[in-house]
Amino acid sequence: MGRGKRFESTTPPTGAGPRATTFECGPDTFAILSFPAGDPALPDTLSAAEKEVCLLLLAGATNAEVAERRRTAVRTVANQVASILRKLGAGSRSELPRALARHHARAFGEQ
């Protein structure tokens, strides 16, 4: 690609996991996870509720939207988001796709 830009895409060898695509442009790095049809494989370290919240976060839902959809308190969702980020080593919800990409790269022996 052009000067200062890098594109990288990885697919697990089994083809069963998500495809992680990262774009670097200057100091910014963007990560996109593409999951195969059906439920994506999320880390086993996440509880069932955290996995559901994680999927909604990846879809761009706010804490209030997640709480409404799951019929729970916004504070409960905030606690679940904090737990997800901690377990995946992400500093913020915007880092979640990249953290999942790192997790899957390690799980499938890449990097």
C-alpha atoms as a PDB file:
ATOM      1  CA  MET A   1       0.000   0.000   0.000  1.00  0.00           C
ATOM      2  CA  GLY A   2       1.082   3.643   0.141  1.00  0.00           C
ATOM      3  CA  ARG A   3       3.870   5.165   2.170  1.00  0.00           C
ATOM      4  CA  GLY A   4       3.343   4.821   5.931  1.00  0.00           C
ATOM      5  CA  LYS A   5       0.502   2.341   5.552  1.00  0.00           C
ATOM      6  CA  ARG A   6       0.587  -1.346   6.324  1.00  0.00           C
ATOM      7  CA  PHE A   7      -2.097  -3.966   5.798  1.00  0.00           C
ATOM      8  CA  GLU A   8      -1.999  -7.393   7.400  1.00  0.00           C
ATOM      9  CA  SER A   9      -4.595 -10.152   7.401  1.00  0.00           C
ATOM     10  CA  THR A  10      -4.481 -13.486   9.182  1.00  0.00           C
ATOM     11  CA  THR A  11      -6.787 -16.481   9.102  1.00  0.00           C
ATOM     12  CA  PRO A  12      -6.408 -19.382  11.535  1.00  0.00           C
ATOM     13  CA  PRO A  13      -4.992 -22.509   9.860  1.00  0.00           C
ATOM     14  CA  THR A  14      -8.142 -24.476  10.627  1.00  0.00           C
ATOM     15  CA  GLY A  15     -10.310 -21.838   8.967  1.00  0.00           C
ATOM     16  CA  ALA A  16     -12.723 -22.090  11.909  1.00  0.00           C
ATOM     17  CA  GLY A  17     -11.790 -18.935  13.761  1.00  0.00           C
ATOM     18  CA  PRO A  18     -12.126 -15.268  12.944  1.00  0.00           C
ATOM     19  CA  ARG A  19     -10.066 -13.456  10.364  1.00  0.00           C
ATOM     20  CA  ALA A  20      -8.066 -10.624  11.921  1.00  0.00           C
ATOM     21  CA  THR A  21      -7.234  -7.684   9.705  1.00  0.00           C
ATOM     22  CA  THR A  22      -5.146  -4.750  10.912  1.00  0.00           C
ATOM     23  CA  PHE A  23      -4.429  -1.470   9.180  1.00  0.00           C
ATOM     24  CA  GLU A  24      -1.653   0.894  10.228  1.00  0.00           C
ATOM     25  CA  CYS A  25      -1.613   4.480   9.092  1.00  0.00           C
ATOM     26  CA  GLY A  26       0.911   6.716  10.799  1.00  0.00           C
ATOM     27  CA  PRO A  27       0.609   6.339  14.562  1.00  0.00           C
ATOM     28  CA  ASP A  28      -2.867   4.778  14.311  1.00  0.00           C
ATOM     29  CA  THR A  29      -3.619   1.070  14.099  1.00  0.00           C
ATOM     30  CA  PHE A  30      -7.055  -0.249  13.234  1.00  0.00           C
ATOM     31  CA  ALA A  31      -8.176  -3.858  13.735  1.00  0.00           C
ATOM     32  CA  ILE A  32     -11.163  -5.608  12.212  1.00  0.00           C
ATOM     33  CA  LEU A  33     -12.343  -9.084  13.143  1.00  0.00           C
ATOM     34  CA  SER A  34     -14.445 -10.994  10.644  1.00  0.00           C
ATOM     35  CA  PHE A  35     -16.194 -14.044  12.040  1.00  0.00           C
ATOM     36  CA  PRO A  36     -17.496 -17.002  10.040  1.00  0.00           C
ATOM     37  CA  ALA A  37     -21.250 -17.538   9.939  1.00  0.00           C
ATOM     38  CA  GLY A  38     -22.631 -18.616  13.280  1.00  0.00           C
ATOM     39  CA  ASP A  39     -21.290 -17.758  16.694  1.00  0.00           C
ATOM     40  CA  PRO A  40     -17.675 -16.606  16.806  1.00  0.00           C
ATOM     41  CA  ALA A  41     -15.263 -18.467  19.046  1.00  0.00           C
ATOM     42  CA  LEU A  42     -14.612 -16.188  22.009  1.00  0.00           C
ATOM     43  CA  PRO A  43     -12.027 -16.948  24.696  1.00  0.00           C
ATOM     44  CA  ASP A  44     -13.047 -19.585  27.233  1.00  0.00           C
ATOM     45  CA  THR A  45     -11.889 -17.217  29.983  1.00  0.00           C
ATOM     46  CA  LEU A  46     -15.065 -15.200  29.393  1.00  0.00           C
ATOM     47  CA  SER A  47     -18.290 -16.257  31.093  1.00  0.00           C
ATOM     48  CA  ALA A  48     -21.390 -16.880  28.975  1.00  0.00           C
ATOM     49  CA  ALA A  49     -22.770 -13.458  29.954  1.00  0.00           C
ATOM     50  CA  GLU A  50     -19.444 -11.777  29.137  1.00  0.00           C
ATOM     51  CA  LYS A  51     -19.395 -13.477  25.732  1.00  0.00           C
ATOM     52  CA  GLU A  52     -22.867 -12.138  24.978  1.00  0.00           C
ATOM     53  CA  VAL A  53     -21.838  -8.638  26.093  1.00  0.00           C
ATOM     54  CA  CYS A  54     -18.618  -8.908  24.068  1.00  0.00           C
ATOM     55  CA  LEU A  55     -20.549  -9.702  20.881  1.00  0.00           C
ATOM     56  CA  LEU A  56     -22.811  -6.710  21.445  1.00  0.00           C
ATOM     57  CA  LEU A  57     -19.784  -4.473  22.068  1.00  0.00           C
ATOM     58  CA  LEU A  58     -18.196  -5.680  18.833  1.00  0.00           C
ATOM     59  CA  ALA A  59     -21.423  -4.731  17.068  1.00  0.00           C
ATOM     60  CA  GLY A  60     -21.020  -1.196  18.436  1.00  0.00           C
ATOM     61  CA  ALA A  61     -23.616  -1.253  21.219  1.00  0.00           C
ATOM     62  CA  THR A  62     -23.314   1.189  24.113  1.00  0.00           C
ATOM     63  CA  ASN A  63     -23.566   0.030  27.735  1.00  0.00           C
ATOM     64  CA  ALA A  64     -27.143   1.345  27.856  1.00  0.00           C
ATOM     65  CA  GLU A  65     -28.070  -0.558  24.688  1.00  0.00           C
ATOM     66  CA  VAL A  66     -26.501  -3.756  26.048  1.00  0.00           C
ATOM     67  CA  ALA A  67     -28.363  -3.318  29.351  1.00  0.00           C
ATOM     68  CA  GLU A  68     -31.664  -2.824  27.554  1.00  0.00           C
ATOM     69  CA  ARG A  69     -31.149  -5.826  25.309  1.00  0.00           C
ATOM     70  CA  ARG A  70     -30.052  -8.068  28.196  1.00  0.00           C
ATOM     71  CA  ARG A  71     -32.636  -6.625  30.598  1.00  0.00           C
ATOM     72  CA  THR A  72     -30.085  -5.769  33.236  1.00  0.00           C
ATOM     73  CA  ALA A  73     -28.689  -2.661  34.922  1.00  0.00           C
ATOM     74  CA  VAL A  74     -26.253  -0.396  33.097  1.00  0.00           C
ATOM     75  CA  ARG A  75     -23.893  -0.724  36.100  1.00  0.00           C
ATOM     76  CA  THR A  76     -23.903  -4.534  35.684  1.00  0.00           C
ATOM     77  CA  VAL A  77     -22.944  -4.108  32.029  1.00  0.00           C
ATOM     78  CA  ALA A  78     -20.191  -1.642  32.985  1.00  0.00           C
ATOM     79  CA  ASN A  79     -18.778  -4.232  35.410  1.00  0.00           C
ATOM     80  CA  GLN A  80     -18.945  -6.935  32.729  1.00  0.00           C
ATOM     81  CA  VAL A  81     -17.217  -4.666  30.203  1.00  0.00           C
ATOM     82  CA  ALA A  82     -14.443  -3.942  32.724  1.00  0.00           C
ATOM     83  CA  SER A  83     -14.036  -7.676  33.352  1.00  0.00           C
ATOM     84  CA  ILE A  84     -13.898  -8.460  29.606  1.00  0.00           C
ATOM     85  CA  LEU A  85     -11.280  -5.780  29.001  1.00  0.00           C
ATOM     86  CA  ARG A  86      -9.192  -6.963  31.951  1.00  0.00           C
ATOM     87  CA  LYS A  87      -9.324 -10.623  30.881  1.00  0.00           C
ATOM     88  CA  LEU A  88      -8.327  -9.760  27.312  1.00  0.00           C
ATOM     89  CA  GLY A  89      -5.702  -7.178  28.246  1.00  0.00           C
ATOM     90  CA  ALA A  90      -7.472  -4.335  26.456  1.00  0.00           C
ATOM     91  CA  GLY A  91      -7.153  -0.807  27.812  1.00  0.00           C
ATOM     92  CA  SER A  92     -10.482   0.357  26.376  1.00  0.00           C
ATOM     93  CA  ARG A  93     -13.452  -0.964  24.454  1.00  0.00           C
ATOM     94  CA  SER A  94     -11.974   0.478  21.250  1.00  0.00           C
ATOM     95  CA  GLU A  95      -9.005  -1.903  21.750  1.00  0.00           C
ATOM     96  CA  LEU A  96     -11.319  -4.934  22.035  1.00  0.00           C
ATOM     97  CA  PRO A  97     -11.044  -6.099  18.387  1.00  0.00           C
ATOM     98  CA  ARG A  98      -7.240  -5.905  18.505  1.00  0.00           C
ATOM     99  CA  ALA A  99      -7.143  -7.748  21.860  1.00  0.00           C
ATOM    100  CA  LEU A 100      -9.324 -10.511  20.398  1.00  0.00           C
ATOM    101  CA  ALA A 101      -7.080 -10.666  17.329  1.00  0.00           C
ATOM    102  CA  ARG A 102      -4.030 -11.098  19.609  1.00  0.00           C
ATOM    103  CA  HIS A 103      -5.842 -13.803  21.592  1.00  0.00           C
ATOM    104  CA  HIS A 104      -6.723 -15.741  18.436  1.00  0.00           C
ATOM    105  CA  ALA A 105      -3.240 -15.332  16.989  1.00  0.00           C
ATOM    106  CA  ARG A 106      -1.801 -16.904  20.161  1.00  0.00           C
ATOM    107  CA  ALA A 107      -4.487 -19.618  20.224  1.00  0.00           C
ATOM    108  CA  PHE A 108      -3.662 -20.638  16.660  1.00  0.00           C
ATOM    109  CA  GLY A 109       0.120 -20.441  17.084  1.00  0.00           C
ATOM    110  CA  GLU A 110       0.680 -17.259  15.104  1.00  0.00           C
ATOM    111  CA  GLN A 111       3.169 -14.587  16.258  1.00  0.00           C
END
